[in-house]
């Protein structure tokens, strides 16, 4: 029955009233309506690209420092370069890019109340990689940072498992470090991206 209906429609369309030469000449082509780009989709794509860039640059610098001078050296590079790299990505993209956590190492990376509620969702759902929230027309993009390799635990694992030189470096660089005691797969924090204030 379904095939019969389709064949009937095709037959009627093909055998409909023939177009005269005159009507063919006066027929206008269909107007092409250009759709404006969705600003939220544009923001989402730029936000995702900016966090990809920041994650890659942080990973490259930390890996190089780890190879050159071990975990203690990587901690020093992290304390000196992470904030600078984040600021550089913000400047290049024209977006407000940050890293936040509930168990932060740097006090400037403390999550706000709103960010904390998203972090709680990310911690409860391992499949939640990223999300975008729009409030009063203003978007906020967050992307999870997870402890995804054993090498992360060299500086973020349980304190009793950390090497003495790592503990010494943590004490020297971060007076109120709260970023230890993690296990592989745990949520470490998130990248946060917002539009810059106008």
N, C-alpha and C. Protein backbone atom coordinates (compact mmCIF):
# COMPACT_ATOMS: atom_id res chain seq x y z
N UNK A 1 0.84 -1.19 0.00
CA UNK A 1 0.00 0.00 0.00
C UNK A 1 0.88 1.25 0.00
N UNK A 2 1.89 1.24 0.88
CA UNK A 2 2.80 2.38 1.00
C UNK A 2 3.50 2.65 -0.34
N UNK A 3 3.95 1.56 -1.00
CA UNK A 3 4.63 1.71 -2.28
C UNK A 3 3.67 2.25 -3.33
N UNK A 4 2.41 1.80 -3.29
CA UNK A 4 1.41 2.24 -4.24
C UNK A 4 1.16 3.75 -4.12
N UNK A 5 1.05 4.24 -2.89
CA UNK A 5 0.83 5.67 -2.66
C UNK A 5 2.00 6.46 -3.21
N UNK A 6 3.23 6.01 -2.94
CA UNK A 6 4.41 6.71 -3.44
C UNK A 6 4.44 6.74 -4.96
N UNK A 7 4.08 5.60 -5.59
CA UNK A 7 4.05 5.54 -7.05
C UNK A 7 2.99 6.48 -7.61
N UNK A 8 1.85 6.57 -6.93
CA UNK A 8 0.79 7.46 -7.38
C UNK A 8 1.25 8.90 -7.31
N UNK A 9 1.91 9.27 -6.20
CA UNK A 9 2.41 10.64 -6.03
C UNK A 9 3.42 10.96 -7.12
N UNK A 10 4.32 10.02 -7.39
CA UNK A 10 5.35 10.23 -8.42
C UNK A 10 4.71 10.39 -9.78
N UNK A 11 3.66 9.58 -10.07
CA UNK A 11 2.99 9.64 -11.36
C UNK A 11 2.30 10.98 -11.55
N UNK A 12 1.58 11.43 -10.50
CA UNK A 12 0.87 12.71 -10.57
C UNK A 12 1.87 13.84 -10.76
N UNK A 13 2.99 13.79 -10.07
CA UNK A 13 4.00 14.85 -10.18
C UNK A 13 4.59 14.87 -11.58
N UNK A 14 4.83 13.70 -12.14
CA UNK A 14 5.45 13.63 -13.47
C UNK A 14 4.46 13.98 -14.57
N UNK A 15 3.21 13.66 -14.37
CA UNK A 15 2.22 13.86 -15.42
C UNK A 15 1.32 15.04 -15.15
N UNK A 16 1.71 15.91 -14.30
CA UNK A 16 0.90 17.09 -14.00
C UNK A 16 0.81 17.96 -15.23
N UNK A 17 0.14 19.10 -15.07
CA UNK A 17 -0.06 19.97 -16.23
C UNK A 17 1.29 20.36 -16.81
N UNK A 18 1.44 20.21 -18.11
CA UNK A 18 2.73 20.52 -18.73
C UNK A 18 2.98 22.02 -18.71
N UNK A 19 4.24 22.39 -18.59
CA UNK A 19 4.62 23.79 -18.59
C UNK A 19 4.71 24.28 -20.01
N UNK A 20 4.07 25.39 -20.27
CA UNK A 20 4.21 25.96 -21.61
C UNK A 20 5.56 26.64 -21.71
N UNK A 21 5.97 26.91 -22.93
CA UNK A 21 7.26 27.57 -23.14
C UNK A 21 7.27 28.94 -22.48
N UNK A 22 6.10 29.60 -22.53
CA UNK A 22 6.01 30.95 -21.96
C UNK A 22 6.14 30.89 -20.44
N UNK A 23 5.43 29.94 -19.82
CA UNK A 23 5.49 29.87 -18.35
C UNK A 23 6.87 29.44 -17.90
N UNK A 24 7.56 28.63 -18.69
CA UNK A 24 8.92 28.22 -18.33
C UNK A 24 9.86 29.40 -18.37
N UNK A 25 9.63 30.33 -19.32
CA UNK A 25 10.51 31.49 -19.42
C UNK A 25 10.24 32.50 -18.31
N UNK A 26 8.99 32.60 -17.86
CA UNK A 26 8.66 33.59 -16.83
C UNK A 26 8.83 33.05 -15.42
N UNK A 27 9.03 31.75 -15.30
CA UNK A 27 9.20 31.19 -13.95
C UNK A 27 10.48 31.73 -13.33
N UNK A 28 10.36 32.16 -12.08
CA UNK A 28 11.52 32.70 -11.37
C UNK A 28 12.18 31.61 -10.54
N UNK A 29 13.49 31.64 -10.45
CA UNK A 29 14.14 30.65 -9.59
C UNK A 29 13.77 30.91 -8.13
N UNK A 30 13.74 29.85 -7.36
CA UNK A 30 13.43 30.00 -5.94
C UNK A 30 14.47 30.89 -5.28
N UNK A 31 14.00 31.75 -4.41
CA UNK A 31 14.93 32.64 -3.70
C UNK A 31 15.72 31.85 -2.68
N UNK A 32 17.01 32.13 -2.63
CA UNK A 32 17.85 31.49 -1.63
C UNK A 32 17.89 32.39 -0.40
N UNK A 33 17.42 31.86 0.69
CA UNK A 33 17.40 32.64 1.93
C UNK A 33 18.61 32.24 2.75
N UNK A 34 19.47 33.21 2.98
CA UNK A 34 20.66 32.93 3.79
C UNK A 34 20.28 32.98 5.25
N UNK A 35 20.61 31.90 5.95
CA UNK A 35 20.34 31.87 7.39
C UNK A 35 21.52 32.48 8.13
N UNK A 36 21.17 33.30 9.11
CA UNK A 36 22.22 33.88 9.93
C UNK A 36 22.80 32.81 10.83
N UNK A 37 24.10 32.92 11.08
CA UNK A 37 24.75 31.95 11.97
C UNK A 37 24.19 32.12 13.38
N UNK A 38 23.96 31.02 14.03
CA UNK A 38 23.47 31.04 15.40
C UNK A 38 24.62 31.45 16.32
N UNK A 39 24.51 32.58 17.04
CA UNK A 39 25.62 33.04 17.88
C UNK A 39 25.96 32.05 18.99
N UNK A 40 24.98 31.31 19.48
CA UNK A 40 25.27 30.33 20.54
C UNK A 40 26.07 29.16 19.99
N UNK A 41 25.74 28.74 18.76
CA UNK A 41 26.51 27.66 18.14
C UNK A 41 27.94 28.11 17.86
N UNK A 42 28.07 29.36 17.41
CA UNK A 42 29.41 29.91 17.18
C UNK A 42 30.21 29.96 18.47
N UNK A 43 29.57 30.43 19.55
CA UNK A 43 30.24 30.50 20.84
C UNK A 43 30.67 29.11 21.30
N UNK A 44 29.76 28.14 21.17
CA UNK A 44 30.06 26.76 21.59
C UNK A 44 31.28 26.22 20.86
N UNK A 45 31.33 26.43 19.54
CA UNK A 45 32.46 25.94 18.75
C UNK A 45 33.76 26.62 19.16
N UNK A 46 33.72 27.94 19.37
CA UNK A 46 34.93 28.67 19.77
C UNK A 46 35.37 28.27 21.18
N UNK A 47 34.40 28.09 22.06
CA UNK A 47 34.72 27.71 23.44
C UNK A 47 35.39 26.33 23.47
N UNK A 48 34.83 25.41 22.71
CA UNK A 48 35.40 24.06 22.66
C UNK A 48 36.82 24.09 22.08
N UNK A 49 37.00 24.86 21.00
CA UNK A 49 38.33 24.97 20.39
C UNK A 49 39.33 25.60 21.35
N UNK A 50 38.90 26.59 22.12
CA UNK A 50 39.81 27.26 23.05
C UNK A 50 40.25 26.32 24.17
N UNK A 51 39.34 25.46 24.65
CA UNK A 51 39.72 24.52 25.71
C UNK A 51 40.61 23.40 25.14
N UNK A 52 40.36 23.02 23.90
CA UNK A 52 41.26 22.04 23.24
C UNK A 52 42.67 22.59 23.18
N UNK A 53 42.78 23.87 22.77
CA UNK A 53 44.08 24.53 22.63
C UNK A 53 44.78 24.63 23.98
N UNK A 54 44.05 25.07 25.00
CA UNK A 54 44.65 25.23 26.33
C UNK A 54 45.09 23.88 26.89
N UNK A 55 44.24 22.88 26.74
CA UNK A 55 44.60 21.55 27.25
C UNK A 55 45.86 21.02 26.57
N UNK A 56 45.95 21.19 25.26
CA UNK A 56 47.11 20.73 24.51
C UNK A 56 48.38 21.46 24.95
N UNK A 57 48.31 22.77 25.08
CA UNK A 57 49.48 23.55 25.45
C UNK A 57 49.95 23.24 26.87
N UNK A 58 49.00 23.09 27.79
CA UNK A 58 49.36 22.72 29.17
C UNK A 58 50.03 21.34 29.20
N UNK A 59 49.44 20.41 28.47
CA UNK A 59 49.98 19.04 28.43
C UNK A 59 51.39 19.02 27.86
N UNK A 60 51.61 19.77 26.79
CA UNK A 60 52.94 19.81 26.18
C UNK A 60 53.99 20.36 27.14
N UNK A 61 53.66 21.46 27.81
CA UNK A 61 54.62 22.07 28.72
C UNK A 61 54.88 21.19 29.94
N UNK A 62 53.84 20.58 30.48
CA UNK A 62 54.02 19.72 31.64
C UNK A 62 54.79 18.45 31.28
N UNK A 63 54.51 17.88 30.12
CA UNK A 63 55.23 16.68 29.67
C UNK A 63 56.71 16.98 29.49
N UNK A 64 57.02 18.12 28.89
CA UNK A 64 58.42 18.50 28.68
C UNK A 64 59.12 18.71 30.02
N UNK A 65 58.43 19.37 30.97
CA UNK A 65 59.02 19.61 32.29
C UNK A 65 59.21 18.30 33.05
N UNK A 66 58.25 17.39 32.91
CA UNK A 66 58.34 16.09 33.59
C UNK A 66 59.55 15.31 33.08
N UNK A 67 59.76 15.33 31.77
CA UNK A 67 60.91 14.62 31.19
C UNK A 67 62.22 15.28 31.60
N UNK A 68 62.23 16.60 31.65
CA UNK A 68 63.47 17.32 31.94
C UNK A 68 63.85 17.27 33.41
N UNK A 69 62.86 17.43 34.31
CA UNK A 69 63.23 17.52 35.73
C UNK A 69 62.26 16.84 36.69
N UNK A 70 61.48 15.91 36.17
CA UNK A 70 60.62 15.11 37.06
C UNK A 70 59.41 15.87 37.57
N UNK A 71 58.64 15.23 38.47
CA UNK A 71 57.39 15.82 38.94
C UNK A 71 57.58 17.16 39.67
N UNK A 72 58.64 17.29 40.43
CA UNK A 72 58.87 18.55 41.15
C UNK A 72 59.07 19.70 40.16
N UNK A 73 59.79 19.43 39.07
CA UNK A 73 59.98 20.43 38.03
C UNK A 73 58.68 20.75 37.32
N UNK A 74 57.85 19.72 37.10
CA UNK A 74 56.55 19.94 36.45
C UNK A 74 55.66 20.82 37.32
N UNK A 75 55.74 20.62 38.63
CA UNK A 75 54.95 21.46 39.54
C UNK A 75 55.36 22.92 39.43
N UNK A 76 56.65 23.13 39.34
CA UNK A 76 57.15 24.52 39.22
C UNK A 76 56.66 25.16 37.93
N UNK A 77 56.75 24.41 36.82
CA UNK A 77 56.27 24.91 35.54
C UNK A 77 54.77 25.17 35.61
N UNK A 78 54.05 24.26 36.24
CA UNK A 78 52.59 24.42 36.36
C UNK A 78 52.27 25.71 37.13
N UNK A 79 52.98 25.95 38.22
CA UNK A 79 52.69 27.15 39.02
C UNK A 79 53.04 28.43 38.27
N UNK A 80 54.05 28.36 37.41
CA UNK A 80 54.48 29.56 36.68
C UNK A 80 53.75 29.75 35.35
N UNK A 81 53.43 28.66 34.67
CA UNK A 81 52.96 28.76 33.28
C UNK A 81 51.46 28.54 33.09
N UNK A 82 50.80 27.79 33.98
CA UNK A 82 49.38 27.48 33.73
C UNK A 82 48.53 28.73 33.63
N UNK A 83 48.69 29.65 34.56
CA UNK A 83 47.89 30.88 34.52
C UNK A 83 48.25 31.72 33.30
N UNK A 84 49.54 31.77 32.94
CA UNK A 84 49.97 32.55 31.78
C UNK A 84 49.42 31.96 30.49
N UNK A 85 49.46 30.64 30.36
CA UNK A 85 48.92 30.00 29.15
C UNK A 85 47.41 30.24 29.04
N UNK A 86 46.73 30.17 30.17
CA UNK A 86 45.28 30.41 30.18
C UNK A 86 44.98 31.84 29.71
N UNK A 87 45.76 32.79 30.21
CA UNK A 87 45.58 34.20 29.80
C UNK A 87 45.88 34.38 28.32
N UNK A 88 46.90 33.68 27.82
CA UNK A 88 47.25 33.79 26.39
C UNK A 88 46.13 33.25 25.51
N UNK A 89 45.54 32.13 25.89
CA UNK A 89 44.43 31.56 25.11
C UNK A 89 43.23 32.50 25.15
N UNK A 90 42.97 33.10 26.31
CA UNK A 90 41.87 34.07 26.41
C UNK A 90 42.10 35.24 25.46
N UNK A 91 43.32 35.73 25.43
CA UNK A 91 43.64 36.88 24.58
C UNK A 91 43.51 36.53 23.10
N UNK A 92 44.00 35.34 22.72
CA UNK A 92 43.94 34.93 21.31
C UNK A 92 42.52 34.70 20.83
N UNK A 93 41.67 34.18 21.71
CA UNK A 93 40.31 33.81 21.30
C UNK A 93 39.29 34.91 21.55
N UNK A 94 39.63 35.89 22.38
CA UNK A 94 38.67 36.93 22.74
C UNK A 94 37.58 36.41 23.65
N UNK A 95 37.88 35.35 24.39
CA UNK A 95 36.93 34.76 25.34
C UNK A 95 37.55 34.75 26.73
N UNK A 96 36.72 34.67 27.74
CA UNK A 96 37.19 34.56 29.12
C UNK A 96 37.35 33.07 29.43
N UNK A 97 38.59 32.58 29.39
CA UNK A 97 38.88 31.15 29.59
C UNK A 97 39.54 30.99 30.95
N UNK A 98 39.04 30.03 31.74
CA UNK A 98 39.60 29.78 33.07
C UNK A 98 39.61 28.28 33.34
N UNK A 99 40.30 27.91 34.41
CA UNK A 99 40.20 26.55 34.95
C UNK A 99 39.69 26.68 36.37
N UNK A 100 38.73 25.81 36.75
CA UNK A 100 38.18 25.87 38.10
C UNK A 100 38.12 24.48 38.72
N UNK A 101 38.03 24.46 40.04
CA UNK A 101 37.93 23.20 40.76
C UNK A 101 37.31 23.44 42.13
N UNK A 102 36.74 22.39 42.68
CA UNK A 102 36.29 22.44 44.07
C UNK A 102 37.44 22.12 45.01
N UNK A 103 38.42 21.39 44.47
CA UNK A 103 39.63 21.06 45.24
C UNK A 103 40.81 21.67 44.49
N UNK A 104 40.90 22.99 44.62
CA UNK A 104 41.87 23.74 43.83
C UNK A 104 43.25 23.74 44.48
N UNK A 105 44.21 23.97 43.63
CA UNK A 105 45.60 24.13 44.06
C UNK A 105 45.91 25.62 44.15
N UNK A 106 45.51 26.35 43.11
CA UNK A 106 45.68 27.78 43.07
C UNK A 106 44.37 28.42 43.56
N UNK A 107 44.42 29.31 44.56
CA UNK A 107 43.18 29.92 45.07
C UNK A 107 42.37 30.65 44.00
N UNK A 108 43.03 31.14 42.95
CA UNK A 108 42.32 31.85 41.88
C UNK A 108 41.44 30.90 41.06
N UNK A 109 41.63 29.61 41.20
CA UNK A 109 40.86 28.63 40.43
C UNK A 109 39.67 28.06 41.21
N UNK A 110 39.31 28.71 42.31
CA UNK A 110 38.16 28.25 43.09
C UNK A 110 36.87 28.45 42.28
N UNK A 111 36.06 27.39 42.19
CA UNK A 111 34.80 27.46 41.44
C UNK A 111 33.78 28.34 42.15
N UNK A 112 32.98 29.04 41.36
CA UNK A 112 31.86 29.81 41.92
C UNK A 112 30.75 28.84 42.30
N UNK A 113 29.71 29.35 42.94
CA UNK A 113 28.58 28.49 43.34
C UNK A 113 27.94 27.85 42.11
N UNK A 114 27.71 28.65 41.06
CA UNK A 114 27.10 28.11 39.84
C UNK A 114 27.98 27.07 39.17
N UNK A 115 29.29 27.36 39.10
CA UNK A 115 30.23 26.40 38.50
C UNK A 115 30.31 25.13 39.34
N UNK A 116 30.20 25.29 40.66
CA UNK A 116 30.26 24.12 41.56
C UNK A 116 29.10 23.17 41.30
N UNK A 117 27.92 23.71 40.98
CA UNK A 117 26.78 22.82 40.72
C UNK A 117 26.99 22.02 39.44
N UNK A 118 27.63 22.63 38.44
CA UNK A 118 27.94 21.89 37.20
C UNK A 118 29.03 20.85 37.48
N UNK A 119 30.03 21.21 38.28
CA UNK A 119 31.08 20.25 38.64
C UNK A 119 30.49 19.05 39.36
N UNK A 120 29.50 19.28 40.22
CA UNK A 120 28.86 18.16 40.93
C UNK A 120 28.18 17.22 39.94
N UNK A 121 27.52 17.78 38.90
CA UNK A 121 26.90 16.93 37.87
C UNK A 121 27.96 16.14 37.11
N UNK A 122 29.08 16.82 36.78
CA UNK A 122 30.15 16.14 36.04
C UNK A 122 30.77 15.02 36.87
N UNK A 123 30.90 15.26 38.17
CA UNK A 123 31.47 14.23 39.04
C UNK A 123 30.56 13.01 39.13
N UNK A 124 29.25 13.24 39.09
CA UNK A 124 28.28 12.15 39.19
C UNK A 124 28.11 11.39 37.88
N UNK A 125 28.43 12.06 36.75
CA UNK A 125 28.23 11.45 35.44
C UNK A 125 29.53 11.46 34.65
N UNK A 126 30.20 10.32 34.58
CA UNK A 126 31.47 10.24 33.85
C UNK A 126 31.30 10.51 32.36
N UNK A 127 30.10 10.29 31.84
CA UNK A 127 29.87 10.50 30.40
C UNK A 127 29.65 11.98 30.06
N UNK A 128 29.51 12.83 31.06
CA UNK A 128 29.29 14.26 30.82
C UNK A 128 30.65 14.93 30.60
N UNK A 129 31.01 15.06 29.33
CA UNK A 129 32.31 15.60 28.96
C UNK A 129 32.29 17.12 29.01
N UNK A 130 31.23 17.71 28.45
CA UNK A 130 31.12 19.16 28.46
C UNK A 130 29.66 19.56 28.42
N UNK A 131 29.39 20.81 28.72
CA UNK A 131 28.02 21.31 28.71
C UNK A 131 28.03 22.81 28.50
N UNK A 132 26.91 23.32 28.02
CA UNK A 132 26.76 24.76 27.87
C UNK A 132 25.44 25.17 28.49
N UNK A 133 25.49 26.21 29.30
CA UNK A 133 24.30 26.73 29.96
C UNK A 133 24.11 28.16 29.45
N UNK A 134 22.87 28.53 29.20
CA UNK A 134 22.56 29.90 28.77
C UNK A 134 21.62 30.50 29.80
N UNK A 135 22.07 31.57 30.42
CA UNK A 135 21.24 32.26 31.41
C UNK A 135 21.13 33.72 31.01
N UNK A 136 19.90 34.19 30.87
CA UNK A 136 19.65 35.58 30.44
C UNK A 136 20.40 35.92 29.16
N UNK A 137 20.46 34.96 28.26
CA UNK A 137 21.10 35.17 26.96
C UNK A 137 22.60 35.07 26.96
N UNK A 138 23.20 34.86 28.13
CA UNK A 138 24.66 34.78 28.22
C UNK A 138 25.11 33.33 28.40
N UNK A 139 25.96 32.82 27.50
CA UNK A 139 26.36 31.41 27.59
C UNK A 139 27.54 31.19 28.51
N UNK A 140 27.57 29.99 29.08
CA UNK A 140 28.69 29.52 29.90
C UNK A 140 29.00 28.10 29.46
N UNK A 141 30.24 27.87 29.02
CA UNK A 141 30.66 26.54 28.56
C UNK A 141 31.59 25.94 29.61
N UNK A 142 31.38 24.68 29.95
CA UNK A 142 32.27 23.98 30.87
C UNK A 142 32.65 22.62 30.30
N UNK A 143 33.93 22.29 30.44
CA UNK A 143 34.44 21.02 29.95
C UNK A 143 35.23 20.34 31.06
N UNK A 144 34.90 19.09 31.33
CA UNK A 144 35.49 18.36 32.45
C UNK A 144 36.99 18.13 32.27
N UNK A 145 37.71 18.23 33.38
CA UNK A 145 39.13 17.83 33.44
C UNK A 145 39.18 16.64 34.39
N UNK A 146 39.55 15.50 33.86
CA UNK A 146 39.58 14.27 34.69
C UNK A 146 41.02 13.78 34.85
N UNK A 147 41.23 13.06 35.92
CA UNK A 147 42.52 12.38 36.13
C UNK A 147 42.49 11.16 35.23
N UNK A 148 43.08 11.29 34.04
CA UNK A 148 42.91 10.22 33.05
C UNK A 148 44.15 9.38 32.78
N UNK A 149 45.26 9.69 33.44
CA UNK A 149 46.45 8.85 33.29
C UNK A 149 47.14 8.71 34.65
N UNK A 150 47.82 7.61 34.86
CA UNK A 150 48.51 7.42 36.16
C UNK A 150 49.53 8.52 36.45
N UNK A 151 50.12 9.13 35.41
CA UNK A 151 51.14 10.16 35.66
C UNK A 151 50.53 11.37 36.38
N UNK A 152 49.23 11.63 36.19
CA UNK A 152 48.56 12.74 36.89
C UNK A 152 48.64 12.54 38.41
N UNK A 153 48.61 11.27 38.83
CA UNK A 153 48.61 10.97 40.26
C UNK A 153 49.95 11.24 40.92
N UNK A 154 50.99 11.46 40.11
CA UNK A 154 52.31 11.79 40.65
C UNK A 154 52.24 13.05 41.49
N UNK A 155 51.36 13.99 41.09
CA UNK A 155 51.20 15.25 41.81
C UNK A 155 49.82 15.42 42.45
N UNK A 156 48.84 14.59 42.01
CA UNK A 156 47.48 14.75 42.50
C UNK A 156 46.95 13.53 43.26
N UNK A 157 47.79 12.50 43.42
CA UNK A 157 47.35 11.29 44.12
C UNK A 157 47.27 11.50 45.63
N UNK A 158 46.99 10.42 46.38
CA UNK A 158 46.96 10.51 47.84
C UNK A 158 48.32 10.99 48.38
N UNK A 159 48.28 11.85 49.40
CA UNK A 159 49.52 12.44 49.92
C UNK A 159 50.53 11.39 50.35
N UNK A 160 50.02 10.30 50.92
CA UNK A 160 50.93 9.26 51.40
C UNK A 160 51.67 8.56 50.26
N UNK A 161 51.17 8.70 49.04
CA UNK A 161 51.81 8.07 47.88
C UNK A 161 52.75 9.02 47.13
N UNK A 162 52.75 10.30 47.50
CA UNK A 162 53.57 11.27 46.78
C UNK A 162 55.02 11.22 47.25
N UNK A 163 55.93 11.44 46.31
CA UNK A 163 57.36 11.45 46.64
C UNK A 163 57.66 12.64 47.56
N UNK A 164 58.65 12.50 48.45
CA UNK A 164 58.98 13.58 49.38
C UNK A 164 59.29 14.90 48.68
N UNK A 165 60.00 14.83 47.54
CA UNK A 165 60.34 16.09 46.84
C UNK A 165 59.09 16.76 46.26
N UNK A 166 58.08 15.96 45.91
CA UNK A 166 56.82 16.52 45.41
C UNK A 166 56.08 17.23 46.55
N UNK A 167 56.04 16.58 47.70
CA UNK A 167 55.40 17.20 48.88
C UNK A 167 56.11 18.49 49.26
N UNK A 168 57.44 18.46 49.23
CA UNK A 168 58.21 19.67 49.55
C UNK A 168 57.87 20.80 48.57
N UNK A 169 57.80 20.47 47.29
CA UNK A 169 57.50 21.47 46.28
C UNK A 169 56.08 22.01 46.43
N UNK A 170 55.14 21.13 46.74
CA UNK A 170 53.76 21.56 46.97
C UNK A 170 53.69 22.54 48.13
N UNK A 171 54.39 22.20 49.22
CA UNK A 171 54.40 23.08 50.39
C UNK A 171 55.04 24.43 50.07
N UNK A 172 56.04 24.41 49.22
CA UNK A 172 56.75 25.65 48.88
C UNK A 172 55.91 26.53 47.94
N UNK A 173 55.19 25.90 47.01
CA UNK A 173 54.48 26.67 45.98
C UNK A 173 53.03 27.01 46.34
N UNK A 174 52.39 26.14 47.10
CA UNK A 174 50.96 26.31 47.38
C UNK A 174 50.71 26.18 48.87
N UNK A 175 50.43 27.30 49.51
CA UNK A 175 50.24 27.30 50.97
C UNK A 175 49.00 26.51 51.38
N UNK A 176 47.97 26.53 50.55
CA UNK A 176 46.71 25.87 50.91
C UNK A 176 46.27 24.90 49.82
N UNK A 177 47.16 23.97 49.48
CA UNK A 177 46.87 23.01 48.41
C UNK A 177 45.75 22.07 48.82
N UNK A 178 44.75 21.92 47.95
CA UNK A 178 43.64 21.00 48.20
C UNK A 178 43.50 20.00 47.05
N UNK A 179 44.52 19.91 46.20
CA UNK A 179 44.39 19.13 44.97
C UNK A 179 45.12 17.80 45.01
N UNK A 180 45.14 17.15 46.17
CA UNK A 180 45.70 15.80 46.27
C UNK A 180 44.57 14.85 46.72
N UNK A 181 44.89 13.56 46.73
CA UNK A 181 43.90 12.57 47.16
C UNK A 181 43.00 12.07 46.05
N UNK A 182 43.36 12.35 44.82
CA UNK A 182 42.55 11.89 43.69
C UNK A 182 42.93 10.47 43.29
N UNK A 183 42.01 9.81 42.59
CA UNK A 183 42.25 8.50 41.98
C UNK A 183 42.03 8.64 40.48
N UNK A 184 42.53 7.68 39.73
CA UNK A 184 42.35 7.72 38.28
C UNK A 184 40.86 7.71 37.94
N UNK A 185 40.46 8.57 37.03
CA UNK A 185 39.05 8.68 36.63
C UNK A 185 38.30 9.78 37.36
N UNK A 186 38.84 10.28 38.48
CA UNK A 186 38.16 11.33 39.24
C UNK A 186 38.10 12.63 38.45
N UNK A 187 37.08 13.42 38.77
CA UNK A 187 36.98 14.76 38.20
C UNK A 187 37.94 15.67 38.94
N UNK A 188 38.86 16.27 38.21
CA UNK A 188 39.84 17.19 38.81
C UNK A 188 39.30 18.61 38.85
N UNK A 189 38.49 18.97 37.86
CA UNK A 189 37.93 20.32 37.75
C UNK A 189 37.34 20.49 36.37
N UNK A 190 37.36 21.72 35.87
CA UNK A 190 36.80 21.97 34.54
C UNK A 190 37.40 23.23 33.94
N UNK A 191 37.41 23.25 32.62
CA UNK A 191 37.66 24.49 31.89
C UNK A 191 36.33 25.24 31.85
N UNK A 192 36.39 26.55 32.01
CA UNK A 192 35.19 27.38 31.95
C UNK A 192 35.44 28.47 30.92
N UNK A 193 34.46 28.67 30.04
CA UNK A 193 34.58 29.71 29.02
C UNK A 193 33.33 30.56 29.01
N UNK A 194 33.54 31.87 29.05
CA UNK A 194 32.44 32.83 28.98
C UNK A 194 32.81 33.92 27.97
N UNK A 195 31.81 34.62 27.45
CA UNK A 195 32.15 35.79 26.62
C UNK A 195 32.80 36.84 27.50
N UNK A 196 33.70 37.61 26.93
CA UNK A 196 34.29 38.73 27.67
C UNK A 196 33.22 39.80 27.89
N UNK A 197 33.26 40.49 29.02
CA UNK A 197 32.28 41.56 29.25
C UNK A 197 32.39 42.63 28.16
N UNK A 198 31.27 43.13 27.73
CA UNK A 198 31.27 44.17 26.68
C UNK A 198 31.54 45.54 27.30
